[in-house]
Amino acid sequence: MALLKDEVQNEARERFKKLTGQVRLVNFTQKIECHYCEETRRLIEEIASLSPKISSKIYNFTLDKEKAQQYKIDKIPAVVVEAEKDYGIRFFGIPGGYEFNSFISAIYDVSRKATDLSVESKDKISKIDKPVHIQVFVTLTCPYCPAAVEMAHKLALESEYIISDMVESAEFPHLVSKYGVMGVPKVVINEEFGFEGALPETSFVEEVVKASKSTTEAKDEG
């Protein structure tokens, strides 16, 4: 039985008609001790079946350790959205509910190898020259979360130094506790900086740039 309703499949097919380049969905999974692993794998395979421009690759998180390390995957279920290269776009937890929209958007942007960020934002992001890790904590019932996830993923697509993760809070309670997530979306940048809420593009970019500079300065002082 399909996870996606016929109506949702048809809507996705229509949007996928606008894909220009090939996209690969890389899924890390295992059957034991992963509540949503099977559902995530099935979702990835269903999505891949909706367009000849989308393919899927399934890895076992435990057995394919080298691949997990290559993609810097440390928890599952995980999905990487890539083309001929890895742009640093990650989904940890099933991209369902409202996050299905951000998942489709990531596929669309990766296929085009472009985002709709402003010229000013792209210019600011281009000046980042040190690794930046963005984690966006969400719940699948949060209507405001996809905007934050999509923004983080667009930044990753624009910069080789940025890796952006969607993290589904219910599936990773230990991380919710670690980062003190009290509300979503909660954005954590380089482990120590962050903010709550879906900020507009200009403010979001400013926070990322500021965090990247602060991290660099802290390392230099150390």
N, C-alpha and C. Protein backbone atom coordinates (compact mmCIF):
# COMPACT_ATOMS: atom_id res chain seq x y z
N MET A 1 0.84 -1.20 0.00
CA MET A 1 0.00 0.00 0.00
C MET A 1 0.88 1.26 0.00
N ALA A 2 0.59 2.17 -0.89
CA ALA A 2 1.38 3.39 -1.02
C ALA A 2 1.21 4.30 0.18
N LEU A 3 2.29 5.00 0.54
CA LEU A 3 2.22 5.97 1.64
C LEU A 3 1.55 7.25 1.18
N LEU A 4 1.80 7.64 -0.06
CA LEU A 4 1.26 8.89 -0.59
C LEU A 4 -0.09 8.66 -1.26
N LYS A 5 -1.04 9.53 -0.96
CA LYS A 5 -2.35 9.45 -1.60
C LYS A 5 -2.21 9.80 -3.08
N ASP A 6 -3.16 9.33 -3.88
CA ASP A 6 -3.11 9.58 -5.33
C ASP A 6 -3.03 11.07 -5.64
N GLU A 7 -3.77 11.86 -4.89
CA GLU A 7 -3.78 13.30 -5.12
C GLU A 7 -2.41 13.91 -4.89
N VAL A 8 -1.73 13.47 -3.81
CA VAL A 8 -0.39 13.98 -3.49
C VAL A 8 0.60 13.53 -4.56
N GLN A 9 0.48 12.28 -4.99
CA GLN A 9 1.37 11.77 -6.04
C GLN A 9 1.22 12.59 -7.32
N ASN A 10 -0.01 12.89 -7.68
CA ASN A 10 -0.25 13.64 -8.91
C ASN A 10 0.31 15.06 -8.81
N GLU A 11 0.17 15.67 -7.64
CA GLU A 11 0.71 17.02 -7.46
C GLU A 11 2.24 17.00 -7.56
N ALA A 12 2.85 15.97 -6.96
CA ALA A 12 4.30 15.86 -7.01
C ALA A 12 4.76 15.62 -8.45
N ARG A 13 4.05 14.77 -9.18
CA ARG A 13 4.41 14.51 -10.58
C ARG A 13 4.39 15.79 -11.40
N GLU A 14 3.39 16.62 -11.17
CA GLU A 14 3.29 17.87 -11.91
C GLU A 14 4.47 18.78 -11.61
N ARG A 15 4.86 18.87 -10.35
CA ARG A 15 6.00 19.72 -10.02
C ARG A 15 7.30 19.13 -10.56
N PHE A 16 7.39 17.83 -10.55
CA PHE A 16 8.61 17.18 -11.01
C PHE A 16 8.80 17.33 -12.52
N LYS A 17 7.75 17.69 -13.25
CA LYS A 17 7.89 17.93 -14.68
C LYS A 17 8.82 19.11 -14.95
N LYS A 18 9.02 19.96 -13.93
CA LYS A 18 9.86 21.14 -14.09
C LYS A 18 11.31 20.87 -13.68
N LEU A 19 11.61 19.64 -13.25
CA LEU A 19 12.99 19.31 -12.90
C LEU A 19 13.86 19.36 -14.15
N THR A 20 15.07 19.88 -14.00
CA THR A 20 15.96 20.00 -15.15
C THR A 20 17.13 19.01 -15.11
N GLY A 21 17.65 18.75 -13.93
CA GLY A 21 18.78 17.83 -13.79
C GLY A 21 18.42 16.63 -12.93
N GLN A 22 19.28 15.63 -12.96
CA GLN A 22 19.05 14.42 -12.19
C GLN A 22 19.25 14.68 -10.68
N VAL A 23 18.46 14.03 -9.87
CA VAL A 23 18.54 14.12 -8.41
C VAL A 23 18.59 12.71 -7.84
N ARG A 24 19.44 12.53 -6.84
CA ARG A 24 19.51 11.23 -6.18
C ARG A 24 19.18 11.39 -4.71
N LEU A 25 18.31 10.53 -4.23
CA LEU A 25 17.92 10.50 -2.82
C LEU A 25 18.66 9.36 -2.15
N VAL A 26 19.58 9.70 -1.25
CA VAL A 26 20.39 8.70 -0.58
C VAL A 26 19.84 8.50 0.83
N ASN A 27 19.37 7.30 1.09
CA ASN A 27 18.71 6.98 2.35
C ASN A 27 19.57 6.05 3.19
N PHE A 28 19.80 6.43 4.44
CA PHE A 28 20.49 5.56 5.40
C PHE A 28 19.45 5.02 6.36
N THR A 29 19.44 3.71 6.55
CA THR A 29 18.37 3.08 7.29
C THR A 29 18.84 1.77 7.94
N GLN A 30 18.00 1.21 8.74
CA GLN A 30 18.15 -0.16 9.24
C GLN A 30 16.82 -0.55 9.86
N LYS A 31 16.55 -1.84 9.93
CA LYS A 31 15.23 -2.29 10.38
C LYS A 31 15.09 -2.29 11.89
N ILE A 32 16.20 -2.52 12.59
CA ILE A 32 16.12 -2.65 14.04
C ILE A 32 16.39 -1.31 14.72
N GLU A 33 15.60 -1.00 15.75
CA GLU A 33 15.79 0.18 16.59
C GLU A 33 15.72 1.49 15.82
N CYS A 34 14.83 1.56 14.86
CA CYS A 34 14.60 2.81 14.13
C CYS A 34 13.13 2.86 13.76
N HIS A 35 12.37 3.63 14.50
CA HIS A 35 10.91 3.60 14.40
C HIS A 35 10.39 3.95 13.01
N TYR A 36 10.97 4.97 12.38
CA TYR A 36 10.45 5.43 11.09
C TYR A 36 11.34 5.05 9.91
N CYS A 37 12.27 4.15 10.10
CA CYS A 37 13.18 3.78 9.02
C CYS A 37 12.46 3.16 7.83
N GLU A 38 11.59 2.21 8.09
CA GLU A 38 10.90 1.54 7.00
C GLU A 38 10.01 2.51 6.23
N GLU A 39 9.27 3.36 6.96
CA GLU A 39 8.38 4.32 6.31
C GLU A 39 9.17 5.33 5.48
N THR A 40 10.34 5.74 6.00
CA THR A 40 11.17 6.70 5.27
C THR A 40 11.69 6.08 3.98
N ARG A 41 12.16 4.84 4.06
CA ARG A 41 12.65 4.15 2.86
C ARG A 41 11.55 4.03 1.82
N ARG A 42 10.36 3.63 2.25
CA ARG A 42 9.23 3.49 1.32
C ARG A 42 8.87 4.82 0.68
N LEU A 43 8.93 5.88 1.48
CA LEU A 43 8.62 7.22 0.96
C LEU A 43 9.63 7.62 -0.12
N ILE A 44 10.91 7.37 0.16
CA ILE A 44 11.97 7.71 -0.80
C ILE A 44 11.76 6.95 -2.11
N GLU A 45 11.45 5.68 -2.01
CA GLU A 45 11.25 4.87 -3.22
C GLU A 45 10.01 5.31 -3.99
N GLU A 46 8.96 5.71 -3.26
CA GLU A 46 7.76 6.19 -3.94
C GLU A 46 8.04 7.50 -4.68
N ILE A 47 8.75 8.40 -4.03
CA ILE A 47 9.08 9.67 -4.66
C ILE A 47 9.92 9.44 -5.91
N ALA A 48 10.91 8.55 -5.81
CA ALA A 48 11.78 8.27 -6.95
C ALA A 48 11.00 7.70 -8.14
N SER A 49 9.91 7.01 -7.84
CA SER A 49 9.11 6.38 -8.90
C SER A 49 8.26 7.39 -9.67
N LEU A 50 8.17 8.61 -9.17
CA LEU A 50 7.29 9.61 -9.77
C LEU A 50 7.95 10.42 -10.89
N SER A 51 9.26 10.26 -11.06
CA SER A 51 9.95 11.01 -12.11
C SER A 51 11.20 10.27 -12.58
N PRO A 52 11.45 10.24 -13.88
CA PRO A 52 12.67 9.61 -14.39
C PRO A 52 13.93 10.38 -14.01
N LYS A 53 13.76 11.60 -13.52
CA LYS A 53 14.91 12.42 -13.12
C LYS A 53 15.31 12.20 -11.66
N ILE A 54 14.56 11.35 -10.96
CA ILE A 54 14.86 11.08 -9.55
C ILE A 54 15.21 9.60 -9.36
N SER A 55 16.31 9.36 -8.67
CA SER A 55 16.69 7.98 -8.36
C SER A 55 16.91 7.88 -6.85
N SER A 56 16.98 6.67 -6.35
CA SER A 56 17.21 6.48 -4.92
C SER A 56 18.31 5.45 -4.70
N LYS A 57 19.00 5.60 -3.58
CA LYS A 57 20.03 4.66 -3.18
C LYS A 57 19.86 4.42 -1.69
N ILE A 58 19.75 3.16 -1.31
CA ILE A 58 19.52 2.81 0.07
C ILE A 58 20.78 2.18 0.67
N TYR A 59 21.22 2.71 1.80
CA TYR A 59 22.37 2.15 2.51
C TYR A 59 21.95 1.70 3.90
N ASN A 60 22.59 0.64 4.37
CA ASN A 60 22.37 0.19 5.74
C ASN A 60 23.33 0.96 6.65
N PHE A 61 22.77 1.67 7.61
CA PHE A 61 23.56 2.54 8.48
C PHE A 61 24.66 1.79 9.22
N THR A 62 24.37 0.55 9.61
CA THR A 62 25.33 -0.25 10.37
C THR A 62 26.36 -0.92 9.48
N LEU A 63 25.91 -1.49 8.37
CA LEU A 63 26.80 -2.25 7.50
C LEU A 63 27.62 -1.36 6.57
N ASP A 64 27.03 -0.26 6.13
CA ASP A 64 27.72 0.64 5.19
C ASP A 64 28.33 1.82 5.94
N LYS A 65 29.20 1.49 6.88
CA LYS A 65 29.78 2.51 7.75
C LYS A 65 30.61 3.54 6.99
N GLU A 66 31.34 3.09 5.99
CA GLU A 66 32.18 4.02 5.23
C GLU A 66 31.34 5.06 4.50
N LYS A 67 30.22 4.63 3.95
CA LYS A 67 29.33 5.57 3.27
C LYS A 67 28.71 6.55 4.26
N ALA A 68 28.34 6.03 5.43
CA ALA A 68 27.76 6.90 6.46
C ALA A 68 28.78 7.96 6.87
N GLN A 69 30.02 7.56 7.00
CA GLN A 69 31.08 8.50 7.37
C GLN A 69 31.33 9.50 6.25
N GLN A 70 31.28 9.02 5.02
CA GLN A 70 31.49 9.89 3.86
C GLN A 70 30.46 11.02 3.84
N TYR A 71 29.21 10.67 4.14
CA TYR A 71 28.13 11.66 4.14
C TYR A 71 27.94 12.33 5.50
N LYS A 72 28.77 11.93 6.46
CA LYS A 72 28.69 12.47 7.82
C LYS A 72 27.30 12.25 8.42
N ILE A 73 26.82 11.03 8.27
CA ILE A 73 25.52 10.64 8.82
C ILE A 73 25.75 9.97 10.17
N ASP A 74 25.18 10.54 11.24
CA ASP A 74 25.39 10.00 12.58
C ASP A 74 24.10 9.54 13.25
N LYS A 75 23.00 9.57 12.52
CA LYS A 75 21.71 9.12 13.08
C LYS A 75 20.78 8.78 11.91
N ILE A 76 19.75 7.99 12.21
CA ILE A 76 18.81 7.57 11.17
C ILE A 76 17.38 7.61 11.71
N PRO A 77 16.41 7.67 10.77
CA PRO A 77 16.56 7.65 9.32
C PRO A 77 17.14 8.97 8.79
N ALA A 78 17.92 8.85 7.73
CA ALA A 78 18.54 10.03 7.14
C ALA A 78 18.38 9.99 5.62
N VAL A 79 18.16 11.16 5.04
CA VAL A 79 18.06 11.27 3.59
C VAL A 79 18.93 12.42 3.12
N VAL A 80 19.78 12.16 2.15
CA VAL A 80 20.60 13.18 1.51
C VAL A 80 20.00 13.45 0.14
N VAL A 81 19.80 14.72 -0.19
CA VAL A 81 19.31 15.09 -1.51
C VAL A 81 20.49 15.66 -2.29
N GLU A 82 20.92 14.94 -3.32
CA GLU A 82 22.11 15.35 -4.05
C GLU A 82 21.91 15.23 -5.56
N ALA A 83 22.85 15.81 -6.30
CA ALA A 83 22.87 15.65 -7.75
C ALA A 83 24.17 14.92 -8.09
N GLU A 84 24.98 15.49 -8.99
CA GLU A 84 26.28 14.86 -9.25
C GLU A 84 27.24 15.14 -8.11
N LYS A 85 26.85 16.02 -7.19
CA LYS A 85 27.64 16.30 -6.00
C LYS A 85 26.71 16.42 -4.80
N ASP A 86 27.30 16.33 -3.63
CA ASP A 86 26.57 16.46 -2.37
C ASP A 86 26.57 17.94 -1.98
N TYR A 87 25.39 18.53 -1.89
CA TYR A 87 25.27 19.95 -1.56
C TYR A 87 25.11 20.21 -0.07
N GLY A 88 25.12 19.15 0.75
CA GLY A 88 24.99 19.36 2.18
C GLY A 88 23.55 19.48 2.66
N ILE A 89 22.62 18.92 1.90
CA ILE A 89 21.20 18.98 2.26
C ILE A 89 20.78 17.66 2.89
N ARG A 90 20.34 17.72 4.14
CA ARG A 90 20.03 16.52 4.91
C ARG A 90 18.63 16.59 5.53
N PHE A 91 17.98 15.43 5.62
CA PHE A 91 16.74 15.27 6.38
C PHE A 91 16.96 14.14 7.36
N PHE A 92 16.87 14.44 8.66
CA PHE A 92 16.98 13.42 9.69
C PHE A 92 15.59 13.22 10.30
N GLY A 93 15.03 12.04 10.08
CA GLY A 93 13.64 11.81 10.43
C GLY A 93 12.82 11.81 9.16
N ILE A 94 11.67 11.22 9.20
CA ILE A 94 10.84 11.11 8.00
C ILE A 94 10.36 12.50 7.55
N PRO A 95 10.55 12.86 6.29
CA PRO A 95 10.09 14.16 5.80
C PRO A 95 8.61 14.10 5.42
N GLY A 96 7.80 13.92 6.44
CA GLY A 96 6.36 13.82 6.24
C GLY A 96 5.64 15.04 6.79
N GLY A 97 4.32 14.98 6.84
CA GLY A 97 3.56 16.12 7.35
C GLY A 97 3.88 17.38 6.56
N TYR A 98 4.02 18.48 7.27
CA TYR A 98 4.35 19.74 6.60
C TYR A 98 5.74 19.69 5.96
N GLU A 99 6.63 18.82 6.47
CA GLU A 99 7.98 18.77 5.92
C GLU A 99 8.06 18.07 4.57
N PHE A 100 6.96 17.48 4.14
CA PHE A 100 6.93 16.92 2.78
C PHE A 100 7.15 18.05 1.77
N ASN A 101 6.62 19.22 2.08
CA ASN A 101 6.78 20.37 1.19
C ASN A 101 8.25 20.80 1.07
N SER A 102 8.95 20.82 2.20
CA SER A 102 10.36 21.23 2.16
C SER A 102 11.19 20.16 1.45
N PHE A 103 10.77 18.91 1.54
CA PHE A 103 11.46 17.83 0.85
C PHE A 103 11.34 17.99 -0.67
N ILE A 104 10.14 18.26 -1.13
CA ILE A 104 9.90 18.46 -2.56
C ILE A 104 10.67 19.70 -3.05
N SER A 105 10.70 20.73 -2.22
CA SER A 105 11.42 21.96 -2.59
C SER A 105 12.91 21.70 -2.72
N ALA A 106 13.46 20.87 -1.83
CA ALA A 106 14.88 20.54 -1.90
C ALA A 106 15.20 19.79 -3.19
N ILE A 107 14.34 18.86 -3.56
CA ILE A 107 14.53 18.12 -4.81
C ILE A 107 14.51 19.08 -5.99
N TYR A 108 13.57 20.00 -5.99
CA TYR A 108 13.43 20.97 -7.07
C TYR A 108 14.66 21.86 -7.20
N ASP A 109 15.14 22.39 -6.07
CA ASP A 109 16.31 23.28 -6.10
C ASP A 109 17.57 22.55 -6.51
N VAL A 110 17.76 21.33 -5.99
CA VAL A 110 18.95 20.56 -6.34
C VAL A 110 18.94 20.21 -7.82
N SER A 111 17.77 19.90 -8.36
CA SER A 111 17.66 19.59 -9.78
C SER A 111 18.08 20.79 -10.63
N ARG A 112 17.69 21.98 -10.20
CA ARG A 112 18.02 23.20 -10.95
C ARG A 112 19.42 23.71 -10.62
N LYS A 113 19.98 23.20 -9.48
CA LYS A 113 21.28 23.70 -8.99
C LYS A 113 21.23 25.20 -8.77
N ALA A 114 20.08 25.67 -8.31
CA ALA A 114 19.89 27.11 -8.09
C ALA A 114 18.81 27.34 -7.05
N THR A 115 18.86 28.52 -6.43
CA THR A 115 17.83 28.91 -5.47
C THR A 115 17.26 30.26 -5.86
N ASP A 116 16.21 30.65 -5.15
CA ASP A 116 15.60 31.96 -5.42
C ASP A 116 16.04 33.00 -4.39
N LEU A 117 17.17 32.76 -3.72
CA LEU A 117 17.69 33.74 -2.77
C LEU A 117 18.06 35.02 -3.52
N SER A 118 17.99 36.14 -2.82
CA SER A 118 18.32 37.41 -3.43
C SER A 118 19.81 37.50 -3.75
N VAL A 119 20.16 38.38 -4.65
CA VAL A 119 21.56 38.60 -5.02
C VAL A 119 22.35 39.02 -3.79
N GLU A 120 21.74 39.85 -2.94
CA GLU A 120 22.41 40.31 -1.73
C GLU A 120 22.71 39.16 -0.78
N SER A 121 21.75 38.27 -0.61
CA SER A 121 21.95 37.11 0.27
C SER A 121 23.04 36.20 -0.28
N LYS A 122 23.01 35.95 -1.58
CA LYS A 122 24.02 35.09 -2.20
C LYS A 122 25.41 35.69 -2.03
N ASP A 123 25.50 37.00 -2.13
CA ASP A 123 26.80 37.67 -1.98
C ASP A 123 27.34 37.49 -0.56
N LYS A 124 26.47 37.63 0.43
CA LYS A 124 26.89 37.48 1.83
C LYS A 124 27.31 36.04 2.11
N ILE A 125 26.54 35.09 1.60
CA ILE A 125 26.85 33.68 1.82
C ILE A 125 28.16 33.29 1.13
N SER A 126 28.44 33.90 -0.01
CA SER A 126 29.65 33.56 -0.75
C SER A 126 30.92 33.92 0.00
N LYS A 127 30.81 34.80 0.98
CA LYS A 127 31.97 35.24 1.74
C LYS A 127 32.30 34.29 2.90
N ILE A 128 31.42 33.33 3.18
CA ILE A 128 31.69 32.34 4.23
C ILE A 128 32.76 31.38 3.73
N ASP A 129 33.82 31.24 4.51
CA ASP A 129 34.92 30.36 4.08
C ASP A 129 35.35 29.36 5.15
N LYS A 130 34.46 29.14 6.12
CA LYS A 130 34.71 28.14 7.16
C LYS A 130 33.45 27.27 7.30
N PRO A 131 33.59 26.02 7.75
CA PRO A 131 32.43 25.12 7.86
C PRO A 131 31.33 25.68 8.77
N VAL A 132 30.12 25.57 8.29
CA VAL A 132 28.94 25.98 9.06
C VAL A 132 27.94 24.82 9.05
N HIS A 133 27.48 24.44 10.23
CA HIS A 133 26.50 23.36 10.36
C HIS A 133 25.21 23.93 10.92
N ILE A 134 24.15 23.85 10.13
CA ILE A 134 22.84 24.36 10.54
C ILE A 134 21.91 23.18 10.82
N GLN A 135 21.32 23.18 12.00
CA GLN A 135 20.31 22.17 12.34
C GLN A 135 18.98 22.88 12.59
N VAL A 136 17.96 22.46 11.88
CA VAL A 136 16.63 23.04 12.07
C VAL A 136 15.73 22.00 12.70
N PHE A 137 15.37 22.22 13.96
CA PHE A 137 14.50 21.29 14.66
C PHE A 137 13.05 21.61 14.34
N VAL A 138 12.30 20.57 13.99
CA VAL A 138 10.92 20.75 13.55
C VAL A 138 10.03 19.68 14.17
N THR A 139 8.73 19.86 14.00
CA THR A 139 7.77 18.79 14.20
C THR A 139 6.97 18.71 12.91
N LEU A 140 6.41 17.57 12.63
CA LEU A 140 5.71 17.39 11.36
C LEU A 140 4.37 18.09 11.32
N THR A 141 3.91 18.59 12.48
CA THR A 141 2.64 19.31 12.54
C THR A 141 2.82 20.82 12.61
N CYS A 142 4.06 21.28 12.45
CA CYS A 142 4.37 22.72 12.56
C CYS A 142 4.29 23.38 11.18
N PRO A 143 3.31 24.27 10.95
CA PRO A 143 3.16 24.90 9.64
C PRO A 143 4.24 25.95 9.33
N TYR A 144 4.94 26.40 10.37
CA TYR A 144 5.97 27.43 10.16
C TYR A 144 7.36 26.85 9.93
N CYS A 145 7.51 25.56 10.22
CA CYS A 145 8.84 24.93 10.15
C CYS A 145 9.41 24.78 8.74
N PRO A 146 8.60 24.42 7.74
CA PRO A 146 9.17 24.25 6.40
C PRO A 146 9.89 25.48 5.88
N ALA A 147 9.43 26.66 6.22
CA ALA A 147 10.09 27.89 5.74
C ALA A 147 11.52 27.96 6.25
N ALA A 148 11.73 27.58 7.51
CA ALA A 148 13.07 27.59 8.09
C ALA A 148 13.94 26.51 7.48
N VAL A 149 13.36 25.33 7.27
CA VAL A 149 14.11 24.22 6.67
C VAL A 149 14.52 24.58 5.25
N GLU A 150 13.59 25.10 4.48
CA GLU A 150 13.89 25.45 3.09
C GLU A 150 14.96 26.53 3.02
N MET A 151 14.91 27.50 3.91
CA MET A 151 15.92 28.55 3.92
C MET A 151 17.30 27.97 4.21
N ALA A 152 17.38 27.10 5.21
CA ALA A 152 18.66 26.49 5.58
C ALA A 152 19.21 25.66 4.42
N HIS A 153 18.34 24.92 3.73
CA HIS A 153 18.79 24.11 2.61
C HIS A 153 19.23 24.95 1.42
N LYS A 154 18.58 26.08 1.21
CA LYS A 154 19.00 26.98 0.12
C LYS A 154 20.40 27.51 0.39
N LEU A 155 20.68 27.82 1.64
CA LEU A 155 22.02 28.32 1.99
C LEU A 155 23.07 27.24 1.74
N ALA A 156 22.72 25.99 2.06
CA ALA A 156 23.64 24.88 1.82
C ALA A 156 23.91 24.71 0.32
N LEU A 157 22.89 24.88 -0.48
CA LEU A 157 23.04 24.75 -1.92
C LEU A 157 23.93 25.85 -2.49
N GLU A 158 23.88 27.01 -1.85
CA GLU A 158 24.65 28.16 -2.34
C GLU A 158 26.09 28.17 -1.85
N SER A 159 26.39 27.40 -0.80
CA SER A 159 27.75 27.45 -0.24
C SER A 159 28.30 26.05 0.01
N GLU A 160 29.51 25.81 -0.46
CA GLU A 160 30.16 24.52 -0.23
C GLU A 160 30.56 24.32 1.22
N TYR A 161 30.51 25.39 2.01
CA TYR A 161 30.92 25.31 3.41
C TYR A 161 29.76 25.02 4.36
N ILE A 162 28.54 25.06 3.86
CA ILE A 162 27.36 24.91 4.73
C ILE A 162 26.71 23.54 4.55
N ILE A 163 26.44 22.88 5.68
CA ILE A 163 25.63 21.67 5.71
C ILE A 163 24.39 21.98 6.54
N SER A 164 23.22 21.68 6.01
CA SER A 164 21.97 22.01 6.70
C SER A 164 21.11 20.77 6.90
N ASP A 165 20.69 20.58 8.14
CA ASP A 165 19.88 19.41 8.51
C ASP A 165 18.48 19.81 8.94
N MET A 166 17.49 19.09 8.47
CA MET A 166 16.20 19.08 9.12
C MET A 166 16.27 17.99 10.16
N VAL A 167 15.87 18.29 11.39
CA VAL A 167 15.87 17.28 12.46
C VAL A 167 14.47 17.19 13.03
N GLU A 168 13.82 16.04 12.87
CA GLU A 168 12.46 15.86 13.37
C GLU A 168 12.52 15.58 14.87
N SER A 169 12.03 16.52 15.64
CA SER A 169 12.22 16.50 17.10
C SER A 169 11.73 15.23 17.78
N ALA A 170 10.58 14.73 17.38
CA ALA A 170 10.00 13.57 18.05
C ALA A 170 10.87 12.32 17.90
N GLU A 171 11.65 12.25 16.83
CA GLU A 171 12.48 11.08 16.58
C GLU A 171 13.85 11.15 17.25
N PHE A 172 14.23 12.34 17.68
CA PHE A 172 15.56 12.51 18.29
C PHE A 172 15.46 13.32 19.59
N PRO A 173 14.76 12.77 20.59
CA PRO A 173 14.54 13.49 21.85
C PRO A 173 15.83 13.84 22.58
N HIS A 174 16.89 13.03 22.40
CA HIS A 174 18.16 13.33 23.07
C HIS A 174 18.76 14.63 22.54
N LEU A 175 18.53 14.93 21.27
CA LEU A 175 19.03 16.18 20.70
C LEU A 175 18.16 17.36 21.12
N VAL A 176 16.89 17.11 21.27
CA VAL A 176 15.97 18.15 21.77
C VAL A 176 16.42 18.58 23.16
N SER A 177 16.79 17.60 23.98
CA SER A 177 17.27 17.88 25.33
C SER A 177 18.62 18.58 25.29
N LYS A 178 19.51 18.10 24.45
CA LYS A 178 20.86 18.65 24.36
C LYS A 178 20.85 20.13 23.99
N TYR A 179 20.00 20.50 23.03
CA TYR A 179 19.98 21.88 22.55
C TYR A 179 18.88 22.73 23.18
N GLY A 180 18.18 22.16 24.15
CA GLY A 180 17.16 22.93 24.85
C GLY A 180 16.05 23.42 23.95
N VAL A 181 15.58 22.55 23.09
CA VAL A 181 14.52 22.92 22.15
C VAL A 181 13.19 23.00 22.90
N MET A 182 12.67 24.21 23.03
CA MET A 182 11.40 24.42 23.72
C MET A 182 10.27 24.70 22.75
N GLY A 183 10.62 25.17 21.57
CA GLY A 183 9.62 25.46 20.53
C GLY A 183 10.25 25.27 19.17
N VAL A 184 9.42 25.10 18.16
CA VAL A 184 9.93 24.90 16.80
C VAL A 184 9.28 25.92 15.86
N PRO A 185 10.00 26.27 14.78
CA PRO A 185 11.34 25.78 14.44
C PRO A 185 12.41 26.38 15.35
N LYS A 186 13.40 25.55 15.69
CA LYS A 186 14.56 25.99 16.46
C LYS A 186 15.78 25.74 15.58
N VAL A 187 16.53 26.81 15.33
CA VAL A 187 17.70 26.72 14.47
C VAL A 187 18.96 26.78 15.32
N VAL A 188 19.81 25.77 15.17
CA VAL A 188 21.08 25.71 15.90
C VAL A 188 22.21 25.78 14.87
N ILE A 189 23.14 26.72 15.09
CA ILE A 189 24.23 26.92 14.13
C ILE A 189 25.56 26.65 14.85
N ASN A 190 26.33 25.73 14.27
CA ASN A 190 27.65 25.38 14.84
C ASN A 190 27.59 25.10 16.34
N GLU A 191 26.54 24.37 16.73
CA GLU A 191 26.41 23.85 18.09
C GLU A 191 26.07 24.89 19.15
N GLU A 192 26.47 26.13 18.98
CA GLU A 192 26.33 27.09 20.08
C GLU A 192 25.53 28.34 19.77
N PHE A 193 25.21 28.59 18.53
CA PHE A 193 24.43 29.78 18.18
C PHE A 193 23.07 29.33 17.66
N GLY A 194 22.09 30.21 17.75
CA GLY A 194 20.80 29.81 17.23
C GLY A 194 19.68 30.78 17.56
N PHE A 195 18.50 30.42 17.10
CA PHE A 195 17.32 31.26 17.31
C PHE A 195 16.07 30.42 17.10
N GLU A 196 14.95 30.94 17.54
CA GLU A 196 13.67 30.26 17.35
C GLU A 196 12.82 31.06 16.36
N GLY A 197 12.01 30.35 15.62
CA GLY A 197 11.10 31.00 14.70
C GLY A 197 11.61 30.99 13.27
N ALA A 198 10.68 31.18 12.34
CA ALA A 198 11.03 31.22 10.91
C ALA A 198 11.33 32.66 10.52
N LEU A 199 12.58 33.03 10.59
CA LEU A 199 12.98 34.40 10.28
C LEU A 199 12.90 34.66 8.77
N PRO A 200 12.68 35.91 8.39
CA PRO A 200 12.72 36.23 6.96
C PRO A 200 14.13 36.04 6.42
N GLU A 201 14.26 35.97 5.12
CA GLU A 201 15.54 35.65 4.48
C GLU A 201 16.70 36.52 4.97
N THR A 202 16.52 37.83 4.97
CA THR A 202 17.60 38.73 5.35
C THR A 202 18.10 38.46 6.76
N SER A 203 17.18 38.28 7.69
CA SER A 203 17.54 38.04 9.09
C SER A 203 18.19 36.67 9.27
N PHE A 204 17.67 35.67 8.57
CA PHE A 204 18.22 34.32 8.65
C PHE A 204 19.68 34.33 8.17
N VAL A 205 19.91 34.95 7.04
CA VAL A 205 21.27 35.02 6.48
C VAL A 205 22.20 35.76 7.43
N GLU A 206 21.73 36.84 8.01
CA GLU A 206 22.55 37.60 8.95
C GLU A 206 22.95 36.76 10.15
N GLU A 207 22.03 35.94 10.66
CA GLU A 207 22.33 35.08 11.80
C GLU A 207 23.39 34.04 11.44
N VAL A 208 23.30 33.48 10.25
CA VAL A 208 24.27 32.47 9.82
C VAL A 208 25.64 33.10 9.62
N VAL A 209 25.67 34.26 8.99
CA VAL A 209 26.95 34.95 8.76
C VAL A 209 27.58 35.34 10.09
N LYS A 210 26.76 35.85 10.98
CA LYS A 210 27.26 36.25 12.31
C LYS A 210 27.81 35.04 13.07
N ALA A 211 27.11 33.93 13.01
CA ALA A 211 27.57 32.72 13.71
C ALA A 211 28.87 32.21 13.10
N SER A 212 28.99 32.28 11.78
CA SER A 212 30.21 31.80 11.13
C SER A 212 31.41 32.66 11.55
N LYS A 213 31.21 33.95 11.67
CA LYS A 213 32.29 34.84 12.09
C LYS A 213 32.63 34.62 13.56
N SER A 214 31.62 34.43 14.38
CA SER A 214 31.85 34.22 15.81
C SER A 214 32.59 32.93 16.06
N THR A 215 32.25 31.88 15.30
CA THR A 215 32.93 30.60 15.43
C THR A 215 34.39 30.73 15.04
N THR A 216 34.63 31.42 13.93
CA THR A 216 36.00 31.63 13.46
C THR A 216 36.83 32.42 14.46
N GLU A 217 36.23 33.48 15.01
CA GLU A 217 36.94 34.31 15.99
C GLU A 217 37.26 33.52 17.25
N ALA A 218 36.30 32.68 17.67
CA ALA A 218 36.51 31.88 18.89
C ALA A 218 37.68 30.90 18.68
N LYS A 219 37.73 30.30 17.48
CA LYS A 219 38.80 29.35 17.18
C LYS A 219 40.14 30.07 17.11
N ASP A 220 40.13 31.28 16.55
CA ASP A 220 41.37 32.05 16.45
C ASP A 220 41.90 32.43 17.82
N GLU A 221 40.97 32.78 18.72
CA GLU A 221 41.38 33.16 20.08
C GLU A 221 41.88 31.94 20.84
N GLY A 222 41.28 30.77 20.54
CA GLY A 222 41.69 29.56 21.22
C GLY A 222 43.06 29.11 20.76
